[in-house]
Amino acid sequence: CQFVQIIKVEVVQEQLSPRGDSVSSFGVLLNRLVQDVQERLAYRCQVYARDSIGNYIPTLSDLDYPAKLRRAAAGPLPSPSASSSLSSTPSLLSSSSSSSSESGVTYYMPAERTVNMLR
């Protein structure tokens, strides 16, 4: 998302717009690049949502939420399932396991992944 913003604002608006028609073909190329990046980003989000959120199979400990809350109240909760199940997509959820373990909050894994994907 930051890459798209950089291309749109810094390159197209700030660098190409003042130069006019002499670099208009390069602007068309950059606009196609931005569209391609946005399409790929949307596709990767769809795949991630389908694979990691939609196809999530809860474990017995996920479904025993009262016990999970009691363990969280007793002390910081290590998240072994988060580190093993999130290893396939570290770029999307690089801060999810650290933020949930630091705060002691125990979200249902698909809810946590959804919120992190939407950030």
PDB file of N, CA and C in Angstrom:
ATOM      1  N   CYS A   1       0.825  -1.190   0.000  1.00  0.00           N
ATOM      2  CA  CYS A   1       0.000   0.000   0.000  1.00  0.00           C
ATOM      3  C   CYS A   1       0.870   1.254   0.000  1.00  0.00           C
ATOM      4  N   GLN A   2       1.956   1.217   0.737  1.00  0.00           N
ATOM      5  CA  GLN A   2       2.845   2.375   0.770  1.00  0.00           C
ATOM      6  C   GLN A   2       3.538   2.578  -0.574  1.00  0.00           C
ATOM      7  N   PHE A   3       3.838   1.474  -1.239  1.00  0.00           N
ATOM      8  CA  PHE A   3       4.472   1.549  -2.552  1.00  0.00           C
ATOM      9  C   PHE A   3       3.557   2.258  -3.547  1.00  0.00           C
ATOM     10  N   VAL A   4       2.285   1.905  -3.523  1.00  0.00           N
ATOM     11  CA  VAL A   4       1.310   2.535  -4.412  1.00  0.00           C
ATOM     12  C   VAL A   4       1.208   4.022  -4.115  1.00  0.00           C
ATOM     13  N   GLN A   5       1.161   4.368  -2.850  1.00  0.00           N
ATOM     14  CA  GLN A   5       1.064   5.773  -2.456  1.00  0.00           C
ATOM     15  C   GLN A   5       2.293   6.561  -2.904  1.00  0.00           C
ATOM     16  N   ILE A   6       3.460   5.967  -2.766  1.00  0.00           N
ATOM     17  CA  ILE A   6       4.695   6.639  -3.188  1.00  0.00           C
ATOM     18  C   ILE A   6       4.680   6.890  -4.689  1.00  0.00           C
ATOM     19  N   ILE A   7       4.287   5.887  -5.464  1.00  0.00           N
ATOM     20  CA  ILE A   7       4.253   6.058  -6.916  1.00  0.00           C
ATOM     21  C   ILE A   7       3.240   7.130  -7.307  1.00  0.00           C
ATOM     22  N   LYS A   8       2.048   7.070  -6.707  1.00  0.00           N
ATOM     23  CA  LYS A   8       1.007   8.034  -7.076  1.00  0.00           C
ATOM     24  C   LYS A   8       1.391   9.460  -6.723  1.00  0.00           C
ATOM     25  N   VAL A   9       1.816   9.672  -5.499  1.00  0.00           N
ATOM     26  CA  VAL A   9       2.044  11.034  -5.023  1.00  0.00           C
ATOM     27  C   VAL A   9       3.413  11.558  -5.445  1.00  0.00           C
ATOM     28  N   GLU A  10       4.460  10.870  -5.046  1.00  0.00           N
ATOM     29  CA  GLU A  10       5.802  11.412  -5.240  1.00  0.00           C
ATOM     30  C   GLU A  10       6.273  11.357  -6.685  1.00  0.00           C
ATOM     31  N   VAL A  11       5.936  10.286  -7.381  1.00  0.00           N
ATOM     32  CA  VAL A  11       6.444  10.163  -8.743  1.00  0.00           C
ATOM     33  C   VAL A  11       5.495  10.814  -9.749  1.00  0.00           C
ATOM     34  N   VAL A  12       4.239  10.370  -9.743  1.00  0.00           N
ATOM     35  CA  VAL A  12       3.316  10.862 -10.772  1.00  0.00           C
ATOM     36  C   VAL A  12       2.940  12.312 -10.540  1.00  0.00           C
ATOM     37  N   GLN A  13       2.474  12.662  -9.358  1.00  0.00           N
ATOM     38  CA  GLN A  13       1.994  14.018  -9.126  1.00  0.00           C
ATOM     39  C   GLN A  13       3.118  15.035  -8.990  1.00  0.00           C
ATOM     40  N   GLU A  14       4.153  14.704  -8.236  1.00  0.00           N
ATOM     41  CA  GLU A  14       5.201  15.686  -7.958  1.00  0.00           C
ATOM     42  C   GLU A  14       6.273  15.754  -9.038  1.00  0.00           C
ATOM     43  N   GLN A  15       6.589  14.633  -9.675  1.00  0.00           N
ATOM     44  CA  GLN A  15       7.682  14.628 -10.645  1.00  0.00           C
ATOM     45  C   GLN A  15       7.206  14.724 -12.092  1.00  0.00           C
ATOM     46  N   LEU A  16       6.141  13.994 -12.427  1.00  0.00           N
ATOM     47  CA  LEU A  16       5.724  13.951 -13.828  1.00  0.00           C
ATOM     48  C   LEU A  16       4.759  15.064 -14.212  1.00  0.00           C
ATOM     49  N   SER A  17       3.882  15.450 -13.315  1.00  0.00           N
ATOM     50  CA  SER A  17       2.892  16.479 -13.656  1.00  0.00           C
ATOM     51  C   SER A  17       3.520  17.804 -14.073  1.00  0.00           C
ATOM     52  N   PRO A  18       4.538  18.297 -13.390  1.00  0.00           N
ATOM     53  CA  PRO A  18       5.128  19.578 -13.803  1.00  0.00           C
ATOM     54  C   PRO A  18       5.821  19.522 -15.160  1.00  0.00           C
ATOM     55  N   ARG A  19       6.210  18.350 -15.614  1.00  0.00           N
ATOM     56  CA  ARG A  19       6.974  18.249 -16.866  1.00  0.00           C
ATOM     57  C   ARG A  19       6.071  18.175 -18.095  1.00  0.00           C
ATOM     58  N   GLY A  20       4.793  17.945 -17.890  1.00  0.00           N
ATOM     59  CA  GLY A  20       3.838  18.001 -19.001  1.00  0.00           C
ATOM     60  C   GLY A  20       3.852  16.806 -19.917  1.00  0.00           C
ATOM     61  N   ASP A  21       3.625  17.088 -21.201  1.00  0.00           N
ATOM     62  CA  ASP A  21       3.437  16.040 -22.204  1.00  0.00           C
ATOM     63  C   ASP A  21       4.716  15.291 -22.565  1.00  0.00           C
ATOM     64  N   SER A  22       5.854  15.839 -22.251  1.00  0.00           N
ATOM     65  CA  SER A  22       7.107  15.198 -22.653  1.00  0.00           C
ATOM     66  C   SER A  22       7.313  13.844 -21.980  1.00  0.00           C
ATOM     67  N   VAL A  23       6.692  13.613 -20.820  1.00  0.00           N
ATOM     68  CA  VAL A  23       6.834  12.338 -20.109  1.00  0.00           C
ATOM     69  C   VAL A  23       5.481  11.670 -19.870  1.00  0.00           C
ATOM     70  N   SER A  24       4.496  12.021 -20.696  1.00  0.00           N
ATOM     71  CA  SER A  24       3.152  11.482 -20.481  1.00  0.00           C
ATOM     72  C   SER A  24       3.091   9.968 -20.672  1.00  0.00           C
ATOM     73  N   SER A  25       3.889   9.420 -21.595  1.00  0.00           N
ATOM     74  CA  SER A  25       3.880   7.966 -21.796  1.00  0.00           C
ATOM     75  C   SER A  25       4.428   7.238 -20.567  1.00  0.00           C
ATOM     76  N   PHE A  26       5.381   7.865 -19.888  1.00  0.00           N
ATOM     77  CA  PHE A  26       5.904   7.271 -18.653  1.00  0.00           C
ATOM     78  C   PHE A  26       4.837   7.286 -17.561  1.00  0.00           C
ATOM     79  N   GLY A  27       4.018   8.324 -17.527  1.00  0.00           N
ATOM     80  CA  GLY A  27       2.914   8.395 -16.568  1.00  0.00           C
ATOM     81  C   GLY A  27       1.895   7.302 -16.803  1.00  0.00           C
ATOM     82  N   VAL A  28       1.618   7.000 -18.063  1.00  0.00           N
ATOM     83  CA  VAL A  28       0.700   5.910 -18.401  1.00  0.00           C
ATOM     84  C   VAL A  28       1.273   4.582 -17.907  1.00  0.00           C
ATOM     85  N   LEU A  29       2.560   4.394 -18.108  1.00  0.00           N
ATOM     86  CA  LEU A  29       3.227   3.177 -17.639  1.00  0.00           C
ATOM     87  C   LEU A  29       3.146   3.061 -16.118  1.00  0.00           C
ATOM     88  N   LEU A  30       3.381   4.143 -15.408  1.00  0.00           N
ATOM     89  CA  LEU A  30       3.301   4.119 -13.951  1.00  0.00           C
ATOM     90  C   LEU A  30       1.875   3.870 -13.461  1.00  0.00           C
ATOM     91  N   ASN A  31       0.890   4.425 -14.153  1.00  0.00           N
ATOM     92  CA  ASN A  31      -0.504   4.160 -13.772  1.00  0.00           C
ATOM     93  C   ASN A  31      -0.853   2.684 -13.948  1.00  0.00           C
ATOM     94  N   ARG A  32      -0.352   2.066 -15.011  1.00  0.00           N
ATOM     95  CA  ARG A  32      -0.561   0.622 -15.194  1.00  0.00           C
ATOM     96  C   ARG A  32       0.141  -0.176 -14.097  1.00  0.00           C
ATOM     97  N   LEU A  33       1.318   0.274 -13.710  1.00  0.00           N
ATOM     98  CA  LEU A  33       2.044  -0.381 -12.630  1.00  0.00           C
ATOM     99  C   LEU A  33       1.268  -0.300 -11.316  1.00  0.00           C
ATOM    100  N   VAL A  34       0.718   0.865 -11.023  1.00  0.00           N
ATOM    101  CA  VAL A  34      -0.083   1.039  -9.806  1.00  0.00           C
ATOM    102  C   VAL A  34      -1.297   0.129  -9.843  1.00  0.00           C
ATOM    103  N   GLN A  35      -1.982   0.059 -10.971  1.00  0.00           N
ATOM    104  CA  GLN A  35      -3.154  -0.807 -11.088  1.00  0.00           C
ATOM    105  C   GLN A  35      -2.778  -2.269 -10.890  1.00  0.00           C
ATOM    106  N   ASP A  36      -1.649  -2.685 -11.440  1.00  0.00           N
ATOM    107  CA  ASP A  36      -1.192  -4.068 -11.284  1.00  0.00           C
ATOM    108  C   ASP A  36      -0.868  -4.377  -9.831  1.00  0.00           C
ATOM    109  N   VAL A  37      -0.185  -3.467  -9.165  1.00  0.00           N
ATOM    110  CA  VAL A  37       0.157  -3.668  -7.754  1.00  0.00           C
ATOM    111  C   VAL A  37      -1.114  -3.747  -6.906  1.00  0.00           C
ATOM    112  N   GLN A  38      -2.083  -2.889  -7.170  1.00  0.00           N
ATOM    113  CA  GLN A  38      -3.335  -2.919  -6.414  1.00  0.00           C
ATOM    114  C   GLN A  38      -4.092  -4.226  -6.648  1.00  0.00           C
ATOM    115  N   GLU A  39      -4.096  -4.694  -7.886  1.00  0.00           N
ATOM    116  CA  GLU A  39      -4.775  -5.954  -8.194  1.00  0.00           C
ATOM    117  C   GLU A  39      -4.111  -7.132  -7.487  1.00  0.00           C
ATOM    118  N   ARG A  40      -2.792  -7.163  -7.498  1.00  0.00           N
ATOM    119  CA  ARG A  40      -2.072  -8.251  -6.824  1.00  0.00           C
ATOM    120  C   ARG A  40      -2.276  -8.207  -5.309  1.00  0.00           C
ATOM    121  N   LEU A  41      -2.299  -7.024  -4.761  1.00  0.00           N
ATOM    122  CA  LEU A  41      -2.536  -6.867  -3.327  1.00  0.00           C
ATOM    123  C   LEU A  41      -3.930  -7.360  -2.948  1.00  0.00           C
ATOM    124  N   ALA A  42      -4.914  -6.990  -3.735  1.00  0.00           N
ATOM    125  CA  ALA A  42      -6.279  -7.454  -3.478  1.00  0.00           C
ATOM    126  C   ALA A  42      -6.368  -8.972  -3.598  1.00  0.00           C
ATOM    127  N   TYR A  43      -5.698  -9.546  -4.582  1.00  0.00           N
ATOM    128  CA  TYR A  43      -5.702 -10.999  -4.754  1.00  0.00           C
ATOM    129  C   TYR A  43      -5.057 -11.695  -3.562  1.00  0.00           C
ATOM    130  N   ARG A  44      -3.907 -11.186  -3.104  1.00  0.00           N
ATOM    131  CA  ARG A  44      -3.223 -11.817  -1.960  1.00  0.00           C
ATOM    132  C   ARG A  44      -4.070 -11.728  -0.695  1.00  0.00           C
ATOM    133  N   CYS A  45      -4.778 -10.624  -0.521  1.00  0.00           N
ATOM    134  CA  CYS A  45      -5.680 -10.504   0.634  1.00  0.00           C
ATOM    135  C   CYS A  45      -6.819 -11.502   0.541  1.00  0.00           C
ATOM    136  N   GLN A  46      -7.361 -11.696  -0.651  1.00  0.00           N
ATOM    137  CA  GLN A  46      -8.423 -12.677  -0.828  1.00  0.00           C
ATOM    138  C   GLN A  46      -7.938 -14.088  -0.534  1.00  0.00           C
ATOM    139  N   VAL A  47      -6.755 -14.424  -1.024  1.00  0.00           N
ATOM    140  CA  VAL A  47      -6.191 -15.755  -0.784  1.00  0.00           C
ATOM    141  C   VAL A  47      -5.919 -15.949   0.707  1.00  0.00           C
ATOM    142  N   TYR A  48      -5.354 -14.938   1.340  1.00  0.00           N
ATOM    143  CA  TYR A  48      -5.079 -15.032   2.773  1.00  0.00           C
ATOM    144  C   TYR A  48      -6.376 -15.196   3.569  1.00  0.00           C
ATOM    145  N   ALA A  49      -7.391 -14.417   3.225  1.00  0.00           N
ATOM    146  CA  ALA A  49      -8.674 -14.517   3.928  1.00  0.00           C
ATOM    147  C   ALA A  49      -9.286 -15.896   3.732  1.00  0.00           C
ATOM    148  N   ARG A  50      -9.194 -16.427   2.541  1.00  0.00           N
ATOM    149  CA  ARG A  50      -9.752 -17.754   2.279  1.00  0.00           C
ATOM    150  C   ARG A  50      -8.982 -18.833   3.031  1.00  0.00           C
ATOM    151  N   ASP A  51      -7.655 -18.811   2.939  1.00  0.00           N
ATOM    152  CA  ASP A  51      -6.845 -19.888   3.499  1.00  0.00           C
ATOM    153  C   ASP A  51      -6.680 -19.807   5.010  1.00  0.00           C
ATOM    154  N   SER A  52      -6.403 -18.628   5.528  1.00  0.00           N
ATOM    155  CA  SER A  52      -6.072 -18.499   6.949  1.00  0.00           C
ATOM    156  C   SER A  52      -7.257 -18.150   7.834  1.00  0.00           C
ATOM    157  N   ILE A  53      -8.287 -17.563   7.255  1.00  0.00           N
ATOM    158  CA  ILE A  53      -9.435 -17.162   8.064  1.00  0.00           C
ATOM    159  C   ILE A  53     -10.628 -18.056   7.767  1.00  0.00           C
ATOM    160  N   GLY A  54     -10.977 -18.183   6.500  1.00  0.00           N
ATOM    161  CA  GLY A  54     -12.153 -18.972   6.125  1.00  0.00           C
ATOM    162  C   GLY A  54     -11.993 -20.454   6.347  1.00  0.00           C
ATOM    163  N   ASN A  55     -10.796 -20.981   6.144  1.00  0.00           N
ATOM    164  CA  ASN A  55     -10.555 -22.411   6.306  1.00  0.00           C
ATOM    165  C   ASN A  55      -9.942 -22.761   7.659  1.00  0.00           C
ATOM    166  N   TYR A  56     -10.018 -21.857   8.601  1.00  0.00           N
ATOM    167  CA  TYR A  56      -9.443 -22.107   9.927  1.00  0.00           C
ATOM    168  C   TYR A  56     -10.245 -23.183  10.642  1.00  0.00           C
ATOM    169  N   ILE A  57      -9.555 -24.168  11.166  1.00  0.00           N
ATOM    170  CA  ILE A  57     -10.202 -25.240  11.930  1.00  0.00           C
ATOM    171  C   ILE A  57      -9.827 -25.035  13.393  1.00  0.00           C
ATOM    172  N   PRO A  58     -10.812 -24.705  14.225  1.00  0.00           N
ATOM    173  CA  PRO A  58     -10.497 -24.426  15.634  1.00  0.00           C
ATOM    174  C   PRO A  58     -10.104 -25.696  16.389  1.00  0.00           C
ATOM    175  N   THR A  59      -9.207 -25.505  17.337  1.00  0.00           N
ATOM    176  CA  THR A  59      -8.818 -26.603  18.221  1.00  0.00           C
ATOM    177  C   THR A  59      -9.727 -26.582  19.443  1.00  0.00           C
ATOM    178  N   LEU A  60      -9.617 -27.601  20.264  1.00  0.00           N
ATOM    179  CA  LEU A  60     -10.432 -27.645  21.478  1.00  0.00           C
ATOM    180  C   LEU A  60     -10.104 -26.480  22.404  1.00  0.00           C
ATOM    181  N   SER A  61      -8.838 -26.092  22.463  1.00  0.00           N
ATOM    182  CA  SER A  61      -8.477 -24.958  23.322  1.00  0.00           C
ATOM    183  C   SER A  61      -9.038 -23.647  22.786  1.00  0.00           C
ATOM    184  N   ASP A  62      -9.190 -23.530  21.468  1.00  0.00           N
ATOM    185  CA  ASP A  62      -9.823 -22.330  20.903  1.00  0.00           C
ATOM    186  C   ASP A  62     -11.275 -22.232  21.327  1.00  0.00           C
ATOM    187  N   LEU A  63     -11.933 -23.365  21.402  1.00  0.00           N
ATOM    188  CA  LEU A  63     -13.355 -23.378  21.732  1.00  0.00           C
ATOM    189  C   LEU A  63     -13.615 -23.277  23.234  1.00  0.00           C
ATOM    190  N   ASP A  64     -12.599 -23.560  24.046  1.00  0.00           N
ATOM    191  CA  ASP A  64     -12.747 -23.455  25.504  1.00  0.00           C
ATOM    192  C   ASP A  64     -12.317 -22.052  25.932  1.00  0.00           C
ATOM    193  N   TYR A  65     -13.098 -21.067  25.543  1.00  0.00           N
ATOM    194  CA  TYR A  65     -12.739 -19.672  25.778  1.00  0.00           C
ATOM    195  C   TYR A  65     -12.689 -19.289  27.249  1.00  0.00           C
ATOM    196  N   PRO A  66     -13.587 -19.788  28.111  1.00  0.00           N
ATOM    197  CA  PRO A  66     -13.470 -19.444  29.541  1.00  0.00           C
ATOM    198  C   PRO A  66     -12.137 -19.867  30.148  1.00  0.00           C
ATOM    199  N   ALA A  67     -11.652 -21.060  29.795  1.00  0.00           N
ATOM    200  CA  ALA A  67     -10.361 -21.508  30.318  1.00  0.00           C
ATOM    201  C   ALA A  67      -9.224 -20.643  29.776  1.00  0.00           C
ATOM    202  N   LYS A  68      -9.354 -20.226  28.543  1.00  0.00           N
ATOM    203  CA  LYS A  68      -8.331 -19.367  27.941  1.00  0.00           C
ATOM    204  C   LYS A  68      -8.272 -18.019  28.661  1.00  0.00           C
ATOM    205  N   LEU A  69      -9.430 -17.483  29.017  1.00  0.00           N
ATOM    206  CA  LEU A  69      -9.465 -16.223  29.761  1.00  0.00           C
ATOM    207  C   LEU A  69      -8.867 -16.378  31.154  1.00  0.00           C
ATOM    208  N   ARG A  70      -9.130 -17.511  31.800  1.00  0.00           N
ATOM    209  CA  ARG A  70      -8.537 -17.745  33.126  1.00  0.00           C
ATOM    210  C   ARG A  70      -7.018 -17.832  33.029  1.00  0.00           C
ATOM    211  N   ARG A  71      -6.516 -18.528  31.999  1.00  0.00           N
ATOM    212  CA  ARG A  71      -5.060 -18.622  31.829  1.00  0.00           C
ATOM    213  C   ARG A  71      -4.458 -17.254  31.541  1.00  0.00           C
ATOM    214  N   ALA A  72      -5.150 -16.445  30.766  1.00  0.00           N
ATOM    215  CA  ALA A  72      -4.648 -15.104  30.446  1.00  0.00           C
ATOM    216  C   ALA A  72      -4.625 -14.222  31.689  1.00  0.00           C
ATOM    217  N   ALA A  73      -5.618 -14.382  32.548  1.00  0.00           N
ATOM    218  CA  ALA A  73      -5.659 -13.594  33.778  1.00  0.00           C
ATOM    219  C   ALA A  73      -4.550 -14.008  34.729  1.00  0.00           C
ATOM    220  N   ALA A  74      -4.134 -15.271  34.665  1.00  0.00           N
ATOM    221  CA  ALA A  74      -3.086 -15.776  35.545  1.00  0.00           C
ATOM    222  C   ALA A  74      -1.701 -15.286  35.131  1.00  0.00           C
ATOM    223  N   GLY A  75      -1.501 -14.989  33.877  1.00  0.00           N
ATOM    224  CA  GLY A  75      -0.188 -14.545  33.421  1.00  0.00           C
ATOM    225  C   GLY A  75      -0.161 -14.427  31.919  1.00  0.00           C
ATOM    226  N   PRO A  76       0.979 -13.983  31.364  1.00  0.00           N
ATOM    227  CA  PRO A  76       1.079 -13.851  29.916  1.00  0.00           C
ATOM    228  C   PRO A  76       0.899 -15.198  29.234  1.00  0.00           C
ATOM    229  N   LEU A  77       0.190 -15.185  28.141  1.00  0.00           N
ATOM    230  CA  LEU A  77      -0.146 -16.402  27.415  1.00  0.00           C
ATOM    231  C   LEU A  77       0.810 -16.588  26.247  1.00  0.00           C
ATOM    232  N   PRO A  78       1.624 -17.667  26.271  1.00  0.00           N
ATOM    233  CA  PRO A  78       2.440 -17.926  25.082  1.00  0.00           C
ATOM    234  C   PRO A  78       1.531 -18.397  23.963  1.00  0.00           C
ATOM    235  N   SER A  79       1.868 -18.067  22.741  1.00  0.00           N
ATOM    236  CA  SER A  79       1.003 -18.435  21.623  1.00  0.00           C
ATOM    237  C   SER A  79       1.729 -19.369  20.662  1.00  0.00           C
ATOM    238  N   PRO A  80       1.844 -20.656  21.012  1.00  0.00           N
ATOM    239  CA  PRO A  80       2.529 -21.578  20.111  1.00  0.00           C
ATOM    240  C   PRO A  80       1.762 -21.786  18.815  1.00  0.00           C
ATOM    241  N   SER A  81       0.438 -21.752  18.870  1.00  0.00           N
ATOM    242  CA  SER A  81      -0.328 -21.943  17.643  1.00  0.00           C
ATOM    243  C   SER A  81      -0.156 -20.771  16.702  1.00  0.00           C
ATOM    244  N   ALA A  82       0.012 -19.576  17.234  1.00  0.00           N
ATOM    245  CA  ALA A  82       0.179 -18.400  16.383  1.00  0.00           C
ATOM    246  C   ALA A  82       1.485 -18.463  15.616  1.00  0.00           C
ATOM    247  N   SER A  83       2.546 -18.887  16.271  1.00  0.00           N
ATOM    248  CA  SER A  83       3.826 -18.908  15.584  1.00  0.00           C
ATOM    249  C   SER A  83       3.879 -19.999  14.522  1.00  0.00           C
ATOM    250  N   SER A  84       3.233 -21.148  14.752  1.00  0.00           N
ATOM    251  CA  SER A  84       3.279 -22.206  13.758  1.00  0.00           C
ATOM    252  C   SER A  84       2.313 -21.964  12.625  1.00  0.00           C
ATOM    253  N   SER A  85       1.133 -21.447  12.911  1.00  0.00           N
ATOM    254  CA  SER A  85       0.144 -21.272  11.848  1.00  0.00           C
ATOM    255  C   SER A  85       0.355 -19.997  11.055  1.00  0.00           C
ATOM    256  N   LEU A  86       1.074 -19.035  11.569  1.00  0.00           N
ATOM    257  CA  LEU A  86       1.270 -17.772  10.863  1.00  0.00           C
ATOM    258  C   LEU A  86       2.572 -17.729  10.084  1.00  0.00           C
ATOM    259  N   SER A  87       3.362 -18.786  10.160  1.00  0.00           N
ATOM    260  CA  SER A  87       4.657 -18.741   9.506  1.00  0.00           C
ATOM    261  C   SER A  87       4.554 -18.662   7.996  1.00  0.00           C
ATOM    262  N   SER A  88       3.428 -19.077   7.416  1.00  0.00           N
ATOM    263  CA  SER A  88       3.305 -19.032   5.969  1.00  0.00           C
ATOM    264  C   SER A  88       3.096 -17.623   5.444  1.00  0.00           C
ATOM    265  N   THR A  89       2.608 -16.690   6.277  1.00  0.00           N
ATOM    266  CA  THR A  89       2.371 -15.325   5.813  1.00  0.00           C
ATOM    267  C   THR A  89       2.902 -14.318   6.818  1.00  0.00           C
ATOM    268  N   PRO A  90       4.216 -14.279   6.985  1.00  0.00           N
ATOM    269  CA  PRO A  90       4.764 -13.362   7.986  1.00  0.00           C
ATOM    270  C   PRO A  90       4.587 -11.900   7.633  1.00  0.00           C
ATOM    271  N   SER A  91       4.502 -11.563   6.368  1.00  0.00           N
ATOM    272  CA  SER A  91       4.408 -10.148   6.027  1.00  0.00           C
ATOM    273  C   SER A  91       3.066  -9.552   6.400  1.00  0.00           C
ATOM    274  N   LEU A  92       2.016 -10.352   6.345  1.00  0.00           N
ATOM    275  CA  LEU A  92       0.705  -9.822   6.685  1.00  0.00           C
ATOM    276  C   LEU A  92       0.504  -9.683   8.181  1.00  0.00           C
ATOM    277  N   LEU A  93       1.106 -10.591   8.945  1.00  0.00           N
ATOM    278  CA  LEU A  93       0.830 -10.595  10.375  1.00  0.00           C
ATOM    279  C   LEU A  93       2.089 -10.538  11.212  1.00  0.00           C
ATOM    280  N   SER A  94       3.026  -9.768  10.809  1.00  0.00           N
ATOM    281  CA  SER A  94       4.291  -9.751  11.519  1.00  0.00           C
ATOM    282  C   SER A  94       4.147  -9.260  12.952  1.00  0.00           C
ATOM    283  N   SER A  95       3.176  -8.416  13.242  1.00  0.00           N
ATOM    284  CA  SER A  95       3.047  -7.886  14.591  1.00  0.00           C
ATOM    285  C   SER A  95       1.935  -8.547  15.389  1.00  0.00           C
ATOM    286  N   SER A  96       1.216  -9.499  14.816  1.00  0.00           N
ATOM    287  CA  SER A  96       0.048 -10.040  15.503  1.00  0.00           C
ATOM    288  C   SER A  96       0.418 -10.868  16.718  1.00  0.00           C
ATOM    289  N   SER A  97       1.409 -11.755  16.585  1.00  0.00           N
ATOM    290  CA  SER A  97       1.723 -12.604  17.720  1.00  0.00           C
ATOM    291  C   SER A  97       2.355 -11.802  18.855  1.00  0.00           C
ATOM    292  N   SER A  98       3.145 -10.806  18.530  1.00  0.00           N
ATOM    293  CA  SER A  98       3.764 -10.016  19.589  1.00  0.00           C
ATOM    294  C   SER A  98       2.753  -9.108  20.265  1.00  0.00           C
ATOM    295  N   SER A  99       1.833  -8.539  19.495  1.00  0.00           N
ATOM    296  CA  SER A  99       0.877  -7.624  20.106  1.00  0.00           C
ATOM    297  C   SER A  99      -0.107  -8.356  21.001  1.00  0.00           C
ATOM    298  N   SER A 100      -0.537  -9.559  20.609  1.00  0.00           N
ATOM    299  CA  SER A 100      -1.495 -10.278  21.441  1.00  0.00           C
ATOM    300  C   SER A 100      -0.834 -10.860  22.677  1.00  0.00           C
ATOM    301  N   SER A 101       0.415 -11.310  22.576  1.00  0.00           N
ATOM    302  CA  SER A 101       1.066 -11.878  23.743  1.00  0.00           C
ATOM    303  C   SER A 101       1.504 -10.789  24.719  1.00  0.00           C
ATOM    304  N   GLU A 102       1.858  -9.599  24.208  1.00  0.00           N
ATOM    305  CA  GLU A 102       2.271  -8.525  25.101  1.00  0.00           C
ATOM    306  C   GLU A 102       1.101  -7.991  25.910  1.00  0.00           C
ATOM    307  N   SER A 103      -0.046  -7.876  25.271  1.00  0.00           N
ATOM    308  CA  SER A 103      -1.182  -7.298  25.969  1.00  0.00           C
ATOM    309  C   SER A 103      -1.949  -8.329  26.785  1.00  0.00           C
ATOM    310  N   GLY A 104      -1.710  -9.616  26.560  1.00  0.00           N
ATOM    311  CA  GLY A 104      -2.411 -10.649  27.302  1.00  0.00           C
ATOM    312  C   GLY A 104      -3.814 -10.911  26.787  1.00  0.00           C
ATOM    313  N   VAL A 105      -4.186 -10.312  25.669  1.00  0.00           N
ATOM    314  CA  VAL A 105      -5.509 -10.508  25.099  1.00  0.00           C
ATOM    315  C   VAL A 105      -5.519 -11.815  24.324  1.00  0.00           C
ATOM    316  N   THR A 106      -6.586 -12.565  24.485  1.00  0.00           N
ATOM    317  CA  THR A 106      -6.691 -13.850  23.812  1.00  0.00           C
ATOM    318  C   THR A 106      -7.873 -13.836  22.867  1.00  0.00           C
ATOM    319  N   TYR A 107      -7.653 -13.385  21.675  1.00  0.00           N
ATOM    320  CA  TYR A 107      -8.704 -13.350  20.665  1.00  0.00           C
ATOM    321  C   TYR A 107      -8.825 -14.704  20.002  1.00  0.00           C
ATOM    322  N   TYR A 108      -9.989 -14.959  19.448  1.00  0.00           N
ATOM    323  CA  TYR A 108     -10.176 -16.123  18.599  1.00  0.00           C
ATOM    324  C   TYR A 108      -9.331 -15.882  17.351  1.00  0.00           C
ATOM    325  N   MET A 109      -8.539 -16.846  16.964  1.00  0.00           N
ATOM    326  CA  MET A 109      -7.520 -16.656  15.935  1.00  0.00           C
ATOM    327  C   MET A 109      -8.064 -16.051  14.638  1.00  0.00           C
ATOM    328  N   PRO A 110      -9.183 -16.508  14.076  1.00  0.00           N
ATOM    329  CA  PRO A 110      -9.659 -15.854  12.848  1.00  0.00           C
ATOM    330  C   PRO A 110     -10.014 -14.379  13.050  1.00  0.00           C
ATOM    331  N   ALA A 111     -10.519 -14.025  14.211  1.00  0.00           N
ATOM    332  CA  ALA A 111     -10.827 -12.616  14.475  1.00  0.00           C
ATOM    333  C   ALA A 111      -9.554 -11.791  14.521  1.00  0.00           C
ATOM    334  N   GLU A 112      -8.527 -12.315  15.166  1.00  0.00           N
ATOM    335  CA  GLU A 112      -7.250 -11.600  15.242  1.00  0.00           C
ATOM    336  C   GLU A 112      -6.622 -11.441  13.859  1.00  0.00           C
ATOM    337  N   ARG A 113      -6.677 -12.492  13.061  1.00  0.00           N
ATOM    338  CA  ARG A 113      -6.115 -12.422  11.709  1.00  0.00           C
ATOM    339  C   ARG A 113      -6.883 -11.434  10.844  1.00  0.00           C
ATOM    340  N   THR A 114      -8.196 -11.393  11.002  1.00  0.00           N
ATOM    341  CA  THR A 114      -9.011 -10.463  10.225  1.00  0.00           C
ATOM    342  C   THR A 114      -8.667  -9.030  10.567  1.00  0.00           C
ATOM    343  N   VAL A 115      -8.564  -8.733  11.850  1.00  0.00           N
ATOM    344  CA  VAL A 115      -8.232  -7.375  12.270  1.00  0.00           C
ATOM    345  C   VAL A 115      -6.842  -6.985  11.782  1.00  0.00           C
ATOM    346  N   ASN A 116      -5.889  -7.883  11.879  1.00  0.00           N
ATOM    347  CA  ASN A 116      -4.530  -7.575  11.430  1.00  0.00           C
ATOM    348  C   ASN A 116      -4.460  -7.390   9.927  1.00  0.00           C
ATOM    349  N   MET A 117      -5.270  -8.127   9.184  1.00  0.00           N
ATOM    350  CA  MET A 117      -5.273  -7.977   7.736  1.00  0.00           C
ATOM    351  C   MET A 117      -5.863  -6.616   7.336  1.00  0.00           C
ATOM    352  N   LEU A 118      -6.824  -6.127   8.097  1.00  0.00           N
ATOM    353  CA  LEU A 118      -7.487  -4.872   7.777  1.00  0.00           C
ATOM    354  C   LEU A 118      -6.706  -3.639   8.233  1.00  0.00           C
ATOM    355  N   ARG A 119      -5.669  -3.824   9.009  1.00  0.00           N
ATOM    356  CA  ARG A 119      -4.867  -2.687   9.473  1.00  0.00           C
ATOM    357  C   ARG A 119      -4.193  -1.976   8.353  1.00  0.00           C
TER     358      ARG A 119
END
